[in-house]
PDB file of N, CA and C in Angstrom:
ATOM      1  N   MET A   1       2.577  17.869  24.756  1.00  0.00           N
ATOM      2  CA  MET A   1       1.342  17.294  25.226  1.00  0.00           C
ATOM      3  C   MET A   1       0.684  16.548  24.081  1.00  0.00           C
ATOM      4  N   PHE A   2       0.091  15.418  24.372  1.00  0.00           N
ATOM      5  CA  PHE A   2      -0.577  14.594  23.378  1.00  0.00           C
ATOM      6  C   PHE A   2      -2.023  14.373  23.791  1.00  0.00           C
ATOM      7  N   THR A   3      -2.868  14.217  22.784  1.00  0.00           N
ATOM      8  CA  THR A   3      -4.234  13.774  23.025  1.00  0.00           C
ATOM      9  C   THR A   3      -4.465  12.544  22.171  1.00  0.00           C
ATOM     10  N   CYS A   4      -5.364  11.679  22.585  1.00  0.00           N
ATOM     11  CA  CYS A   4      -5.628  10.429  21.859  1.00  0.00           C
ATOM     12  C   CYS A   4      -7.113  10.290  21.576  1.00  0.00           C
ATOM     13  N   ASP A   5      -7.415   9.736  20.409  1.00  0.00           N
ATOM     14  CA  ASP A   5      -8.770   9.359  20.045  1.00  0.00           C
ATOM     15  C   ASP A   5      -8.715   7.925  19.558  1.00  0.00           C
ATOM     16  N   GLU A   6      -9.660   7.110  19.979  1.00  0.00           N
ATOM     17  CA  GLU A   6      -9.746   5.740  19.491  1.00  0.00           C
ATOM     18  C   GLU A   6     -10.577   5.740  18.221  1.00  0.00           C
ATOM     19  N   VAL A   7     -10.099   4.998  17.225  1.00  0.00           N
ATOM     20  CA  VAL A   7     -10.826   4.867  15.965  1.00  0.00           C
ATOM     21  C   VAL A   7     -11.016   3.384  15.671  1.00  0.00           C
ATOM     22  N   GLU A   8     -11.928   3.066  14.784  1.00  0.00           N
ATOM     23  CA  GLU A   8     -12.255   1.668  14.508  1.00  0.00           C
ATOM     24  C   GLU A   8     -11.258   0.991  13.576  1.00  0.00           C
ATOM     25  N   CYS A   9     -10.850   1.645  12.495  1.00  0.00           N
ATOM     26  CA  CYS A   9     -10.015   0.952  11.511  1.00  0.00           C
ATOM     27  C   CYS A   9      -9.056   1.926  10.837  1.00  0.00           C
ATOM     28  N   LEU A  10      -7.798   1.508  10.756  1.00  0.00           N
ATOM     29  CA  LEU A  10      -6.804   2.274  10.015  1.00  0.00           C
ATOM     30  C   LEU A  10      -6.201   1.420   8.892  1.00  0.00           C
ATOM     31  N   ALA A  11      -6.854   0.297   8.596  1.00  0.00           N
ATOM     32  CA  ALA A  11      -6.495  -0.574   7.469  1.00  0.00           C
ATOM     33  C   ALA A  11      -5.054  -1.061   7.528  1.00  0.00           C
ATOM     34  N   ALA A  12      -4.610  -1.475   8.686  1.00  0.00           N
ATOM     35  CA  ALA A  12      -3.257  -2.020   8.832  1.00  0.00           C
ATOM     36  C   ALA A  12      -3.279  -3.240   9.745  1.00  0.00           C
ATOM     37  N   CYS A  13      -4.219  -4.135   9.505  1.00  0.00           N
ATOM     38  CA  CYS A  13      -4.380  -5.306  10.382  1.00  0.00           C
ATOM     39  C   CYS A  13      -3.097  -6.109  10.512  1.00  0.00           C
ATOM     40  N   ALA A  14      -2.382  -6.292   9.415  1.00  0.00           N
ATOM     41  CA  ALA A  14      -1.176  -7.115   9.445  1.00  0.00           C
ATOM     42  C   ALA A  14      -0.077  -6.480  10.290  1.00  0.00           C
ATOM     43  N   ASN A  15      -0.131  -5.183  10.489  1.00  0.00           N
ATOM     44  CA  ASN A  15       0.919  -4.483  11.231  1.00  0.00           C
ATOM     45  C   ASN A  15       0.425  -3.953  12.570  1.00  0.00           C
ATOM     46  N   ALA A  16      -0.711  -4.435  13.033  1.00  0.00           N
ATOM     47  CA  ALA A  16      -1.288  -3.961  14.291  1.00  0.00           C
ATOM     48  C   ALA A  16      -0.517  -4.535  15.468  1.00  0.00           C
ATOM     49  N   PRO A  17      -0.608  -3.876  16.597  1.00  0.00           N
ATOM     50  CA  PRO A  17      -1.279  -2.599  16.842  1.00  0.00           C
ATOM     51  C   PRO A  17      -0.494  -1.437  16.231  1.00  0.00           C
ATOM     52  N   MET A  18      -1.231  -0.418  15.899  1.00  0.00           N
ATOM     53  CA  MET A  18      -0.624   0.757  15.271  1.00  0.00           C
ATOM     54  C   MET A  18      -1.379   2.012  15.658  1.00  0.00           C
ATOM     55  N   MET A  19      -0.775   3.169  15.333  1.00  0.00           N
ATOM     56  CA  MET A  19      -1.466   4.439  15.555  1.00  0.00           C
ATOM     57  C   MET A  19      -1.099   5.396  14.440  1.00  0.00           C
ATOM     58  N   GLN A  20      -1.978   6.357  14.237  1.00  0.00           N
ATOM     59  CA  GLN A  20      -1.771   7.394  13.237  1.00  0.00           C
ATOM     60  C   GLN A  20      -1.662   8.716  13.972  1.00  0.00           C
ATOM     61  N   VAL A  21      -0.736   9.550  13.540  1.00  0.00           N
ATOM     62  CA  VAL A  21      -0.509  10.829  14.193  1.00  0.00           C
ATOM     63  C   VAL A  21      -0.858  11.954  13.227  1.00  0.00           C
ATOM     64  N   ASN A  22      -1.675  12.875  13.685  1.00  0.00           N
ATOM     65  CA  ASN A  22      -2.074  14.053  12.899  1.00  0.00           C
ATOM     66  C   ASN A  22      -2.719  13.693  11.562  1.00  0.00           C
ATOM     67  N   ASN A  23      -3.498  12.608  11.522  1.00  0.00           N
ATOM     68  CA  ASN A  23      -4.148  12.163  10.279  1.00  0.00           C
ATOM     69  C   ASN A  23      -3.151  12.004   9.139  1.00  0.00           C
ATOM     70  N   SER A  24      -1.931  11.587   9.442  1.00  0.00           N
ATOM     71  CA  SER A  24      -0.902  11.493   8.422  1.00  0.00           C
ATOM     72  C   SER A  24      -0.061  10.242   8.622  1.00  0.00           C
ATOM     73  N   GLU A  25       1.031  10.361   9.343  1.00  0.00           N
ATOM     74  CA  GLU A  25       1.969   9.262   9.505  1.00  0.00           C
ATOM     75  C   GLU A  25       1.382   8.142  10.360  1.00  0.00           C
ATOM     76  N   VAL A  26       1.748   6.888   9.991  1.00  0.00           N
ATOM     77  CA  VAL A  26       1.330   5.749  10.793  1.00  0.00           C
ATOM     78  C   VAL A  26       2.561   5.090  11.412  1.00  0.00           C
ATOM     79  N   TYR A  27       2.363   4.582  12.601  1.00  0.00           N
ATOM     80  CA  TYR A  27       3.416   3.915  13.373  1.00  0.00           C
ATOM     81  C   TYR A  27       2.868   2.546  13.735  1.00  0.00           C
ATOM     82  N   GLU A  28       3.556   1.487  13.290  1.00  0.00           N
ATOM     83  CA  GLU A  28       3.012   0.134  13.352  1.00  0.00           C
ATOM     84  C   GLU A  28       3.850  -0.774  14.237  1.00  0.00           C
ATOM     85  N   ASP A  29       3.308  -1.978  14.492  1.00  0.00           N
ATOM     86  CA  ASP A  29       3.972  -3.009  15.301  1.00  0.00           C
ATOM     87  C   ASP A  29       4.301  -2.482  16.693  1.00  0.00           C
ATOM     88  N   LEU A  30       3.312  -1.880  17.319  1.00  0.00           N
ATOM     89  CA  LEU A  30       3.528  -1.249  18.619  1.00  0.00           C
ATOM     90  C   LEU A  30       3.364  -2.235  19.769  1.00  0.00           C
ATOM     91  N   SER A  31       4.143  -2.010  20.793  1.00  0.00           N
ATOM     92  CA  SER A  31       3.998  -2.702  22.073  1.00  0.00           C
ATOM     93  C   SER A  31       3.957  -1.607  23.136  1.00  0.00           C
ATOM     94  N   TYR A  32       3.727  -1.991  24.354  1.00  0.00           N
ATOM     95  CA  TYR A  32       3.716  -0.989  25.418  1.00  0.00           C
ATOM     96  C   TYR A  32       5.048  -0.249  25.445  1.00  0.00           C
ATOM     97  N   ASP A  33       6.160  -1.002  25.443  1.00  0.00           N
ATOM     98  CA  ASP A  33       7.485  -0.380  25.567  1.00  0.00           C
ATOM     99  C   ASP A  33       7.840   0.504  24.373  1.00  0.00           C
ATOM    100  N   ASN A  34       7.637   0.000  23.145  1.00  0.00           N
ATOM    101  CA  ASN A  34       8.043   0.851  22.024  1.00  0.00           C
ATOM    102  C   ASN A  34       7.071   2.002  21.790  1.00  0.00           C
ATOM    103  N   THR A  35       5.847   1.919  22.320  1.00  0.00           N
ATOM    104  CA  THR A  35       4.938   3.066  22.248  1.00  0.00           C
ATOM    105  C   THR A  35       5.426   4.191  23.145  1.00  0.00           C
ATOM    106  N   ILE A  36       5.906   3.850  24.330  1.00  0.00           N
ATOM    107  CA  ILE A  36       6.481   4.873  25.223  1.00  0.00           C
ATOM    108  C   ILE A  36       7.682   5.518  24.544  1.00  0.00           C
ATOM    109  N   GLU A  37       8.561   4.694  23.939  1.00  0.00           N
ATOM    110  CA  GLU A  37       9.727   5.233  23.214  1.00  0.00           C
ATOM    111  C   GLU A  37       9.280   6.110  22.049  1.00  0.00           C
ATOM    112  N   LEU A  38       8.240   5.681  21.329  1.00  0.00           N
ATOM    113  CA  LEU A  38       7.729   6.450  20.197  1.00  0.00           C
ATOM    114  C   LEU A  38       7.193   7.806  20.644  1.00  0.00           C
ATOM    115  N   LEU A  39       6.438   7.834  21.724  1.00  0.00           N
ATOM    116  CA  LEU A  39       5.908   9.110  22.221  1.00  0.00           C
ATOM    117  C   LEU A  39       7.035  10.064  22.586  1.00  0.00           C
ATOM    118  N   LYS A  40       8.096   9.547  23.184  1.00  0.00           N
ATOM    119  CA  LYS A  40       9.269  10.394  23.498  1.00  0.00           C
ATOM    120  C   LYS A  40       9.925  10.886  22.216  1.00  0.00           C
ATOM    121  N   ALA A  41      10.036  10.003  21.208  1.00  0.00           N
ATOM    122  CA  ALA A  41      10.637  10.399  19.937  1.00  0.00           C
ATOM    123  C   ALA A  41       9.767  11.423  19.206  1.00  0.00           C
ATOM    124  N   LEU A  42       8.445  11.282  19.290  1.00  0.00           N
ATOM    125  CA  LEU A  42       7.553  12.279  18.695  1.00  0.00           C
ATOM    126  C   LEU A  42       7.737  13.629  19.361  1.00  0.00           C
ATOM    127  N   GLU A  43       7.920  13.602  20.657  1.00  0.00           N
ATOM    128  CA  GLU A  43       8.098  14.835  21.415  1.00  0.00           C
ATOM    129  C   GLU A  43       9.375  15.572  21.007  1.00  0.00           C
ATOM    130  N   ASN A  44      10.446  14.809  20.734  1.00  0.00           N
ATOM    131  CA  ASN A  44      11.695  15.497  20.367  1.00  0.00           C
ATOM    132  C   ASN A  44      11.965  15.513  18.862  1.00  0.00           C
ATOM    133  N   GLY A  45      10.985  15.040  18.060  1.00  0.00           N
ATOM    134  CA  GLY A  45      11.086  15.161  16.605  1.00  0.00           C
ATOM    135  C   GLY A  45      11.939  14.108  15.925  1.00  0.00           C
ATOM    136  N   THR A  46      12.185  12.976  16.565  1.00  0.00           N
ATOM    137  CA  THR A  46      13.031  11.944  15.962  1.00  0.00           C
ATOM    138  C   THR A  46      12.286  10.640  15.694  1.00  0.00           C
ATOM    139  N   ALA A  47      10.974  10.681  15.637  1.00  0.00           N
ATOM    140  CA  ALA A  47      10.175   9.465  15.454  1.00  0.00           C
ATOM    141  C   ALA A  47      10.403   8.856  14.077  1.00  0.00           C
ATOM    142  N   LYS A  48      10.492   7.528  14.034  1.00  0.00           N
ATOM    143  CA  LYS A  48      10.647   6.778  12.798  1.00  0.00           C
ATOM    144  C   LYS A  48       9.259   6.345  12.333  1.00  0.00           C
ATOM    145  N   ILE A  49       8.852   6.769  11.145  1.00  0.00           N
ATOM    146  CA  ILE A  49       7.545   6.433  10.586  1.00  0.00           C
ATOM    147  C   ILE A  49       7.545   4.958  10.175  1.00  0.00           C
ATOM    148  N   GLY A  50       6.392   4.308  10.332  1.00  0.00           N
ATOM    149  CA  GLY A  50       6.253   2.925   9.884  1.00  0.00           C
ATOM    150  C   GLY A  50       6.437   1.933  11.008  1.00  0.00           C
ATOM    151  N   SER A  51       6.958   0.765  10.637  1.00  0.00           N
ATOM    152  CA  SER A  51       7.134  -0.313  11.606  1.00  0.00           C
ATOM    153  C   SER A  51       8.134   0.088  12.680  1.00  0.00           C
ATOM    154  N   GLN A  52       7.790  -0.226  13.918  1.00  0.00           N
ATOM    155  CA  GLN A  52       8.678   0.082  15.033  1.00  0.00           C
ATOM    156  C   GLN A  52       9.560  -1.114  15.395  1.00  0.00           C
ATOM    157  N   VAL A  53       9.438  -2.216  14.625  1.00  0.00           N
ATOM    158  CA  VAL A  53      10.280  -3.385  14.864  1.00  0.00           C
ATOM    159  C   VAL A  53      11.108  -3.747  13.637  1.00  0.00           C
ATOM    160  N   GLY A  54      11.146  -2.873  12.644  1.00  0.00           N
ATOM    161  CA  GLY A  54      11.974  -3.097  11.462  1.00  0.00           C
ATOM    162  C   GLY A  54      11.348  -3.963  10.387  1.00  0.00           C
ATOM    163  N   ARG A  55      10.056  -4.201  10.477  1.00  0.00           N
ATOM    164  CA  ARG A  55       9.366  -5.010   9.467  1.00  0.00           C
ATOM    165  C   ARG A  55       9.376  -4.273   8.132  1.00  0.00           C
ATOM    166  N   ASN A  56       9.520  -5.037   7.032  1.00  0.00           N
ATOM    167  CA  ASN A  56       9.440  -4.480   5.687  1.00  0.00           C
ATOM    168  C   ASN A  56       7.984  -4.484   5.255  1.00  0.00           C
ATOM    169  N   GLN A  57       7.330  -3.352   5.323  1.00  0.00           N
ATOM    170  CA  GLN A  57       5.916  -3.192   4.999  1.00  0.00           C
ATOM    171  C   GLN A  57       5.091  -4.210   5.779  1.00  0.00           C
ATOM    172  N   ALA A  58       4.335  -5.096   5.138  1.00  0.00           N
ATOM    173  CA  ALA A  58       3.528  -6.075   5.859  1.00  0.00           C
ATOM    174  C   ALA A  58       4.122  -7.478   5.746  1.00  0.00           C
ATOM    175  N   GLU A  59       5.408  -7.551   5.459  1.00  0.00           N
ATOM    176  CA  GLU A  59       6.088  -8.828   5.271  1.00  0.00           C
ATOM    177  C   GLU A  59       6.146  -9.599   6.585  1.00  0.00           C
ATOM    178  N   GLY A  60       5.818 -10.872   6.542  1.00  0.00           N
ATOM    179  CA  GLY A  60       5.815 -11.702   7.747  1.00  0.00           C
ATOM    180  C   GLY A  60       7.206 -12.114   8.187  1.00  0.00           C
ATOM    181  N   ILE A  61       7.279 -12.936   9.240  1.00  0.00           N
ATOM    182  CA  ILE A  61       8.581 -13.322   9.792  1.00  0.00           C
ATOM    183  C   ILE A  61       9.360 -14.245   8.858  1.00  0.00           C
ATOM    184  N   GLN A  62       8.675 -14.884   7.893  1.00  0.00           N
ATOM    185  CA  GLN A  62       9.385 -15.728   6.930  1.00  0.00           C
ATOM    186  C   GLN A  62       9.968 -14.905   5.780  1.00  0.00           C
ATOM    187  N   GLY A  63       9.735 -13.608   5.779  1.00  0.00           N
ATOM    188  CA  GLY A  63      10.177 -12.780   4.668  1.00  0.00           C
ATOM    189  C   GLY A  63       9.197 -12.892   3.512  1.00  0.00           C
ATOM    190  N   ARG A  64       9.649 -12.512   2.346  1.00  0.00           N
ATOM    191  CA  ARG A  64       8.783 -12.544   1.165  1.00  0.00           C
ATOM    192  C   ARG A  64       8.504 -13.992   0.784  1.00  0.00           C
ATOM    193  N   THR A  65       7.228 -14.316   0.566  1.00  0.00           N
ATOM    194  CA  THR A  65       6.844 -15.673   0.194  1.00  0.00           C
ATOM    195  C   THR A  65       6.114 -15.732  -1.143  1.00  0.00           C
ATOM    196  N   SER A  66       5.887 -14.606  -1.763  1.00  0.00           N
ATOM    197  CA  SER A  66       5.255 -14.573  -3.076  1.00  0.00           C
ATOM    198  C   SER A  66       5.820 -13.393  -3.861  1.00  0.00           C
ATOM    199  N   LEU A  67       5.544 -13.381  -5.145  1.00  0.00           N
ATOM    200  CA  LEU A  67       6.065 -12.331  -6.033  1.00  0.00           C
ATOM    201  C   LEU A  67       7.575 -12.211  -5.885  1.00  0.00           C
ATOM    202  N   MET A  68       8.249 -13.377  -5.835  1.00  0.00           N
ATOM    203  CA  MET A  68       9.693 -13.415  -5.604  1.00  0.00           C
ATOM    204  C   MET A  68      10.482 -12.704  -6.705  1.00  0.00           C
ATOM    205  N   ASN A  69       9.921 -12.641  -7.907  1.00  0.00           N
ATOM    206  CA  ASN A  69      10.605 -11.988  -9.022  1.00  0.00           C
ATOM    207  C   ASN A  69      10.034 -10.607  -9.302  1.00  0.00           C
ATOM    208  N   GLY A  70       9.376 -10.034  -8.334  1.00  0.00           N
ATOM    209  CA  GLY A  70       8.780  -8.722  -8.509  1.00  0.00           C
ATOM    210  C   GLY A  70       7.343  -8.822  -8.996  1.00  0.00           C
ATOM    211  N   VAL A  71       6.725  -7.711  -9.125  1.00  0.00           N
ATOM    212  CA  VAL A  71       5.335  -7.649  -9.572  1.00  0.00           C
ATOM    213  C   VAL A  71       5.305  -7.808 -11.086  1.00  0.00           C
ATOM    214  N   PRO A  72       4.476  -8.726 -11.611  1.00  0.00           N
ATOM    215  CA  PRO A  72       4.424  -8.900 -13.070  1.00  0.00           C
ATOM    216  C   PRO A  72       3.844  -7.659 -13.741  1.00  0.00           C
ATOM    217  N   PRO A  73       4.254  -7.410 -14.977  1.00  0.00           N
ATOM    218  CA  PRO A  73       3.722  -6.233 -15.686  1.00  0.00           C
ATOM    219  C   PRO A  73       2.244  -6.446 -16.014  1.00  0.00           C
ATOM    220  N   PRO A  74       1.516  -5.370 -16.182  1.00  0.00           N
ATOM    221  CA  PRO A  74       0.103  -5.512 -16.566  1.00  0.00           C
ATOM    222  C   PRO A  74       0.008  -6.056 -17.988  1.00  0.00           C
ATOM    223  N   PRO A  75      -1.099  -6.703 -18.319  1.00  0.00           N
ATOM    224  CA  PRO A  75      -1.255  -7.197 -19.694  1.00  0.00           C
ATOM    225  C   PRO A  75      -1.316  -6.028 -20.672  1.00  0.00           C
ATOM    226  N   PRO A  76      -0.942  -6.266 -21.917  1.00  0.00           N
ATOM    227  CA  PRO A  76      -0.962  -5.164 -22.888  1.00  0.00           C
ATOM    228  C   PRO A  76      -2.394  -4.684 -23.133  1.00  0.00           C
ATOM    229  N   CYS A  77      -2.536  -3.405 -23.363  1.00  0.00           N
ATOM    230  CA  CYS A  77      -3.845  -2.819 -23.661  1.00  0.00           C
ATOM    231  C   CYS A  77      -4.021  -2.733 -25.170  1.00  0.00           C
ATOM    232  N   ARG A  78      -5.224  -2.906 -25.595  1.00  0.00           N
ATOM    233  CA  ARG A  78      -5.543  -2.848 -27.020  1.00  0.00           C
ATOM    234  C   ARG A  78      -5.734  -1.399 -27.435  1.00  0.00           C
ATOM    235  N   ASP A  79      -5.227  -1.054 -28.610  1.00  0.00           N
ATOM    236  CA  ASP A  79      -5.416   0.276 -29.188  1.00  0.00           C
ATOM    237  C   ASP A  79      -6.819   0.309 -29.788  1.00  0.00           C
ATOM    238  N   PHE A  80      -7.749   1.001 -29.122  1.00  0.00           N
ATOM    239  CA  PHE A  80      -9.140   0.976 -29.539  1.00  0.00           C
ATOM    240  C   PHE A  80      -9.375   1.691 -30.868  1.00  0.00           C
ATOM    241  N   ASP A  81      -8.563   2.683 -31.199  1.00  0.00           N
ATOM    242  CA  ASP A  81      -8.698   3.320 -32.516  1.00  0.00           C
ATOM    243  C   ASP A  81      -8.321   2.331 -33.613  1.00  0.00           C
ATOM    244  N   GLN A  82      -7.253   1.541 -33.371  1.00  0.00           N
ATOM    245  CA  GLN A  82      -6.849   0.526 -34.342  1.00  0.00           C
ATOM    246  C   GLN A  82      -7.928  -0.543 -34.455  1.00  0.00           C
ATOM    247  N   LEU A  83      -8.494  -0.972 -33.339  1.00  0.00           N
ATOM    248  CA  LEU A  83      -9.555  -1.975 -33.349  1.00  0.00           C
ATOM    249  C   LEU A  83     -10.765  -1.479 -34.143  1.00  0.00           C
ATOM    250  N   LYS A  84     -11.142  -0.229 -33.936  1.00  0.00           N
ATOM    251  CA  LYS A  84     -12.278   0.345 -34.659  1.00  0.00           C
ATOM    252  C   LYS A  84     -12.012   0.337 -36.164  1.00  0.00           C
ATOM    253  N   SER A  85     -10.775   0.681 -36.542  1.00  0.00           N
ATOM    254  CA  SER A  85     -10.411   0.687 -37.957  1.00  0.00           C
ATOM    255  C   SER A  85     -10.473  -0.722 -38.540  1.00  0.00           C
ATOM    256  N   GLU A  86      -9.953  -1.711 -37.793  1.00  0.00           N
ATOM    257  CA  GLU A  86      -9.982  -3.105 -38.258  1.00  0.00           C
ATOM    258  C   GLU A  86     -11.421  -3.592 -38.437  1.00  0.00           C
ATOM    259  N   LEU A  87     -12.283  -3.277 -37.486  1.00  0.00           N
ATOM    260  CA  LEU A  87     -13.685  -3.694 -37.576  1.00  0.00           C
ATOM    261  C   LEU A  87     -14.376  -3.033 -38.757  1.00  0.00           C
ATOM    262  N   GLN A  88     -14.063  -1.777 -38.992  1.00  0.00           N
ATOM    263  CA  GLN A  88     -14.648  -1.062 -40.134  1.00  0.00           C
ATOM    264  C   GLN A  88     -14.202  -1.699 -41.445  1.00  0.00           C
ATOM    265  N   GLN A  89     -12.899  -2.069 -41.518  1.00  0.00           N
ATOM    266  CA  GLN A  89     -12.386  -2.726 -42.729  1.00  0.00           C
ATOM    267  C   GLN A  89     -13.061  -4.081 -42.942  1.00  0.00           C
ATOM    268  N   GLN A  90     -13.253  -4.846 -41.859  1.00  0.00           N
ATOM    269  CA  GLN A  90     -13.922  -6.144 -41.958  1.00  0.00           C
ATOM    270  C   GLN A  90     -15.368  -5.976 -42.440  1.00  0.00           C
ATOM    271  N   LYS A  91     -16.031  -4.955 -41.944  1.00  0.00           N
ATOM    272  CA  LYS A  91     -17.411  -4.690 -42.328  1.00  0.00           C
ATOM    273  C   LYS A  91     -17.481  -4.324 -43.809  1.00  0.00           C
ATOM    274  N   GLU A  92     -16.564  -3.467 -44.247  1.00  0.00           N
ATOM    275  CA  GLU A  92     -16.548  -3.048 -45.657  1.00  0.00           C
ATOM    276  C   GLU A  92     -16.261  -4.242 -46.563  1.00  0.00           C
ATOM    277  N   LYS A  93     -15.342  -5.123 -46.121  1.00  0.00           N
ATOM    278  CA  LYS A  93     -15.008  -6.305 -46.902  1.00  0.00           C
ATOM    279  C   LYS A  93     -16.209  -7.232 -46.995  1.00  0.00           C
ATOM    280  N   ALA A  94     -16.928  -7.403 -45.896  1.00  0.00           N
ATOM    281  CA  ALA A  94     -18.114  -8.268 -45.861  1.00  0.00           C
ATOM    282  C   ALA A  94     -19.237  -7.691 -46.715  1.00  0.00           C
ATOM    283  N   ASP A  95     -19.327  -6.359 -46.754  1.00  0.00           N
ATOM    284  CA  ASP A  95     -20.367  -5.696 -47.554  1.00  0.00           C
ATOM    285  C   ASP A  95     -19.977  -5.612 -49.029  1.00  0.00           C
ATOM    286  N   GLY A  96     -18.724  -6.017 -49.360  1.00  0.00           N
ATOM    287  CA  GLY A  96     -18.267  -6.010 -50.741  1.00  0.00           C
ATOM    288  C   GLY A  96     -17.806  -4.663 -51.242  1.00  0.00           C
ATOM    289  N   LYS A  97     -17.403  -3.788 -50.368  1.00  0.00           N
ATOM    290  CA  LYS A  97     -16.955  -2.454 -50.791  1.00  0.00           C
ATOM    291  C   LYS A  97     -15.490  -2.435 -51.045  1.00  0.00           C
TER     292      LYS A  97
END
């Protein structure tokens, strides 16, 4: 047996319509027909989490169109202890110590 509650937003606009089950798994790209199939699969424990049409995350029908070489690494972070030491040395040099 299933119960349903309507909610305003599940933050999956690109993959809508979708539903969330038990405040956990989300099932996306739903139609009337695949929702009926999904409910049967949930009942017998064979439901596939995610897109019900084989979509790769939120990728459109053209496939990947950006970040073709992967996600770029973050910029390097500055060592703040080293920076503090450098500033202290500059201050001492300016003060003539």
